Protein backbone atom coordinates (compact mmCIF):
# COMPACT_ATOMS: atom_id res chain seq x y z
CA MET A 1 133.36 -1.37 -230.53
CA ALA A 2 134.90 -1.37 -233.99
CA MET A 3 138.61 -0.94 -234.45
CA CYS A 4 139.94 2.18 -236.18
CA SER A 5 140.95 2.12 -239.80
CA THR A 6 144.12 3.77 -241.00
CA PHE A 7 142.59 7.00 -242.27
CA TYR A 8 144.42 9.89 -240.58
CA PRO A 9 143.76 13.29 -242.19
CA ARG A 10 145.74 16.01 -240.44
CA LEU A 11 144.11 19.18 -239.18
CA SER A 12 145.68 22.39 -237.96
CA THR A 13 144.11 24.04 -234.93
CA HIS A 14 144.65 27.20 -232.90
CA LEU A 15 142.38 26.61 -229.91
CA ASN A 16 143.23 27.80 -226.42
CA CYS A 17 142.10 24.57 -224.79
CA LYS A 18 144.26 21.81 -223.42
CA SER A 19 143.33 18.88 -225.63
CA PHE A 20 140.67 16.95 -227.44
CA SER A 21 139.41 13.46 -226.66
CA LEU A 22 139.59 10.77 -229.30
CA PHE A 23 137.02 7.96 -229.29
CA PRO A 24 137.06 5.74 -232.40
CA VAL A 25 133.59 4.51 -233.38
CA LYS A 26 131.47 3.78 -236.43
CA HIS A 27 132.01 6.38 -239.16
CA ARG A 28 132.64 9.01 -236.50
CA PHE A 29 135.56 11.41 -236.51
CA PHE A 30 136.96 12.88 -233.29
CA VAL A 31 138.98 15.83 -234.41
CA SER A 32 142.21 16.91 -232.74
CA ILE A 33 145.45 16.80 -234.68
CA LYS A 34 144.02 13.74 -236.40
CA ALA A 35 140.57 12.42 -237.26
CA PHE A 36 139.78 8.74 -237.02
CA SER A 37 137.50 6.68 -239.19
CA SER A 38 136.23 3.31 -238.03
CA GLN A 39 134.45 0.37 -239.53
CA THR A 40 130.69 0.22 -239.90
CA PHE A 41 128.53 -1.56 -237.35
CA ALA A 42 124.80 -1.67 -236.71
CA PRO A 43 123.70 -0.20 -233.37
CA LYS A 44 122.31 -2.83 -231.01
CA ALA A 45 119.10 -2.31 -229.05
CA ASP A 46 121.06 -2.41 -225.79
CA ASP A 47 123.17 0.54 -227.00
CA LEU A 48 120.17 2.83 -227.44
CA PRO A 49 118.71 5.18 -224.80
CA ALA A 50 115.40 3.88 -223.45
CA SER A 51 113.36 6.86 -224.63
CA ILE A 52 114.07 9.51 -227.24
CA GLY A 53 112.40 12.86 -227.81
CA PHE A 54 112.28 14.71 -231.12
CA LEU A 55 111.27 18.37 -231.38
CA GLY A 56 110.62 19.90 -234.78
CA LEU A 57 109.20 17.82 -237.63
CA GLY A 58 109.91 19.90 -240.68
CA ILE A 59 111.66 18.93 -243.91
CA MET A 60 114.65 17.54 -242.01
CA GLY A 61 113.22 16.59 -238.64
CA ASN A 62 110.43 14.41 -239.99
CA PRO A 63 112.61 11.90 -241.88
CA MET A 64 115.21 11.90 -239.09
CA ALA A 65 112.57 11.00 -236.52
CA GLN A 66 111.09 8.42 -238.89
CA ASN A 67 114.44 6.66 -239.17
CA LEU A 68 114.67 6.42 -235.38
CA ILE A 69 111.17 4.93 -235.18
CA LYS A 70 111.84 2.47 -238.00
CA ALA A 71 115.00 1.37 -236.19
CA GLY A 72 112.86 0.36 -233.20
CA CYS A 73 113.49 3.37 -230.96
CA ASP A 74 110.91 4.55 -228.44
CA VAL A 75 110.29 8.06 -229.80
CA THR A 76 108.14 10.89 -228.43
CA VAL A 77 107.51 13.80 -230.79
CA TRP A 78 106.36 17.42 -230.69
CA ASN A 79 105.81 20.05 -233.36
CA ARG A 80 104.13 23.45 -233.28
CA THR A 81 101.69 22.18 -235.91
CA LYS A 82 100.39 18.95 -234.43
CA SER A 83 99.21 17.60 -237.79
CA LYS A 84 102.85 17.10 -238.76
CA CYS A 85 103.13 14.61 -235.89
CA GLU A 86 100.34 12.39 -237.19
CA PRO A 87 102.40 10.40 -239.73
CA LEU A 88 104.95 9.61 -237.02
CA ILE A 89 102.27 8.69 -234.50
CA SER A 90 100.90 6.25 -237.09
CA LEU A 91 104.36 4.67 -237.20
CA GLY A 92 104.36 4.21 -233.43
CA ALA A 93 105.62 7.49 -232.01
CA LYS A 94 104.15 8.99 -228.85
CA TYR A 95 103.03 12.61 -228.70
CA LYS A 96 103.40 15.31 -226.06
CA SER A 97 101.89 18.78 -226.21
CA SER A 98 105.03 20.77 -225.33
CA PRO A 99 108.83 20.53 -225.52
CA GLU A 100 108.86 20.52 -221.71
CA GLU A 101 106.71 17.39 -221.57
CA VAL A 102 108.82 15.64 -224.21
CA ALA A 103 112.06 16.38 -222.36
CA ALA A 104 110.58 15.32 -219.04
CA SER A 105 109.55 11.94 -220.44
CA CYS A 106 112.72 11.13 -222.41
CA ASP A 107 116.35 10.26 -221.72
CA VAL A 108 117.70 12.09 -224.77
CA THR A 109 115.86 14.83 -226.66
CA PHE A 110 116.78 15.97 -230.18
CA ALA A 111 115.76 19.34 -231.61
CA MET A 112 115.70 20.25 -235.30
CA LEU A 113 114.42 23.81 -235.66
CA ALA A 114 114.40 26.13 -238.65
CA ASP A 115 116.15 29.18 -237.18
CA PRO A 116 117.91 30.49 -234.04
CA GLU A 117 114.77 32.16 -232.68
CA SER A 118 112.82 28.92 -232.84
CA ALA A 119 115.72 26.95 -231.38
CA VAL A 120 115.91 29.27 -228.36
CA ASP A 121 112.14 29.34 -227.83
CA VAL A 122 111.80 25.55 -227.98
CA ALA A 123 114.73 25.03 -225.62
CA CYS A 124 114.40 27.97 -223.25
CA GLY A 125 110.86 29.34 -223.58
CA LYS A 126 107.97 29.20 -221.11
CA TYR A 127 107.22 25.56 -221.90
CA GLY A 128 110.66 24.87 -223.34
CA ALA A 129 112.62 21.66 -223.13
CA SER A 130 114.92 23.00 -220.41
CA LYS A 131 111.93 23.06 -218.05
CA GLY A 132 111.71 19.28 -218.36
CA MET A 133 115.43 18.54 -218.20
CA GLY A 134 117.38 17.29 -215.20
CA PRO A 135 120.38 15.20 -214.13
CA GLY A 136 120.91 12.16 -216.31
CA LYS A 137 119.06 13.64 -219.29
CA GLY A 138 120.54 15.00 -222.50
CA TYR A 139 119.61 17.61 -225.11
CA VAL A 140 121.03 17.34 -228.63
CA ASP A 141 120.44 20.36 -230.86
CA VAL A 142 120.84 19.28 -234.47
CA SER A 143 119.65 22.66 -235.77
CA THR A 144 122.16 24.84 -237.58
CA VAL A 145 122.44 27.96 -235.44
CA ASP A 146 125.07 30.56 -234.61
CA GLY A 147 127.55 30.13 -231.77
CA GLU A 148 125.85 32.60 -229.43
CA THR A 149 122.51 30.84 -229.79
CA SER A 150 124.10 27.48 -229.09
CA LYS A 151 125.88 28.87 -226.03
CA LEU A 152 122.62 30.31 -224.66
CA ILE A 153 120.79 27.00 -225.09
CA CYS A 154 123.71 25.13 -223.55
CA GLU A 155 123.64 27.36 -220.47
CA HIS A 156 119.93 26.75 -219.91
CA ILE A 157 120.27 22.99 -220.35
CA ARG A 158 123.35 22.60 -218.16
CA ALA A 159 121.77 24.74 -215.44
CA THR A 160 119.31 21.89 -214.89
CA GLY A 161 122.10 19.35 -214.38
CA ALA A 162 121.47 17.82 -217.81
CA HIS A 163 124.04 17.38 -220.60
CA PHE A 164 124.18 19.30 -223.87
CA LEU A 165 125.45 18.46 -227.35
CA GLU A 166 125.22 20.64 -230.42
CA ALA A 167 125.24 18.58 -233.59
CA PRO A 168 124.38 20.61 -236.70
CA VAL A 169 123.90 18.50 -239.81
CA SER A 170 125.29 18.73 -243.30
CA GLY A 171 122.78 17.37 -245.78
CA SER A 172 119.33 17.93 -247.22
CA LYS A 173 115.98 16.13 -247.34
CA LYS A 174 117.15 13.11 -249.37
CA PRO A 175 120.18 12.32 -247.16
CA ALA A 176 117.90 12.76 -244.13
CA GLU A 177 115.45 10.26 -245.59
CA ASP A 178 118.25 7.81 -246.41
CA GLY A 179 120.02 8.14 -243.04
CA GLN A 180 123.07 9.62 -244.76
CA LEU A 181 123.51 12.91 -242.90
CA ILE A 182 126.82 14.24 -241.60
CA PHE A 183 126.93 15.50 -238.00
CA LEU A 184 129.49 17.84 -236.48
CA THR A 185 129.14 17.63 -232.72
CA ALA A 186 130.54 19.40 -229.69
CA GLY A 187 129.61 19.57 -226.02
CA ASP A 188 129.47 16.95 -223.28
CA SER A 189 131.31 13.78 -224.27
CA VAL A 190 129.19 11.68 -221.90
CA LEU A 191 126.12 12.65 -223.92
CA TYR A 192 127.89 11.89 -227.17
CA GLU A 193 128.57 8.37 -225.94
CA LYS A 194 124.84 7.98 -225.26
CA ALA A 195 123.65 9.64 -228.48
CA ALA A 196 126.20 8.13 -230.86
CA PRO A 197 124.15 5.03 -231.76
CA LEU A 198 121.25 7.35 -232.63
CA LEU A 199 123.48 9.48 -234.84
CA ASP A 200 124.53 6.25 -236.54
CA ILE A 201 120.88 5.61 -237.42
CA MET A 202 120.30 9.09 -238.81
CA GLY A 203 123.67 9.67 -240.48
CA LYS A 204 126.74 8.16 -242.05
CA VAL A 205 129.48 10.28 -240.46
CA SER A 206 129.94 12.37 -237.34
CA PHE A 207 132.81 14.65 -236.35
CA CYS A 208 133.25 15.10 -232.62
CA LEU A 209 135.06 17.98 -230.99
CA PHE A 210 135.56 17.90 -227.24
CA THR A 211 137.84 20.02 -225.08
CA GLU A 212 138.93 19.99 -221.46
CA CYS A 213 137.75 23.55 -221.03
CA ASP A 214 134.13 24.50 -220.41
CA ALA A 215 133.74 26.65 -223.50
CA ILE A 216 131.38 25.38 -226.18
CA PHE A 217 133.32 24.66 -229.33
CA PRO A 218 131.31 26.20 -232.20
CA PRO A 219 131.02 23.42 -234.79
CA SER A 220 128.50 25.39 -236.82
CA ASN A 221 131.34 27.82 -237.63
CA ILE A 222 133.73 25.21 -239.00
CA LEU A 223 131.48 22.60 -240.59
CA ALA A 224 132.39 23.84 -244.06
CA PHE A 225 136.10 23.68 -243.22
CA ILE A 226 135.85 20.08 -242.00
CA SER A 227 133.85 19.06 -245.06
CA VAL A 228 136.40 20.55 -247.45
CA LYS A 229 139.51 19.34 -245.64
CA ILE A 230 138.47 15.81 -244.75
CA LEU A 231 135.44 14.49 -246.56
CA PRO A 232 136.29 12.88 -249.90
CA TRP A 233 132.85 13.65 -251.42
């Protein structure tokens, strides 16, 4: 693991939780009183989960999933319109006919949906990903949704014994294509440890907020604040 650099931007916080965990890693920031930047490293094959699911192949999801495939990951995809899966299948991705089947066949499943309604349906619906989740699995929602939506999805995922991470992105199509997205994550730290090498493939920076309480920290509500206070671009 890379050593931390000496970049220590200070943040003020008013949370009613005991503390935050700090884990220095590649271009990731774990935010408490300080945020830590670390040196760049390339994820090794041994660091990656054995199988990865990706739900939602729109403007953002398609290039994100492509970057995972091109990095050598074993990726299984799903999209409401199957034709959008074809380019990824041609690159080596597998296909499943429902979010449930994707989640059941993968260690970590990512979801990039266009709106809160879609995010809830894909995660919690009749054939939703939560139906295929279980102990040892993880669900990472990289959609940008409101706090209540994220909490609802989290409850369904955790009820199966699986782990949950919300990781909304800052960036558009071009950064997604170039693997230069910014992630702001919160949820189960054990899942972050597993998903971090995958975030490194899809993005250049991730902020990580973990607490000792069970409440879901709503990163979607403070992404703009973090970007303004810390990011130099």
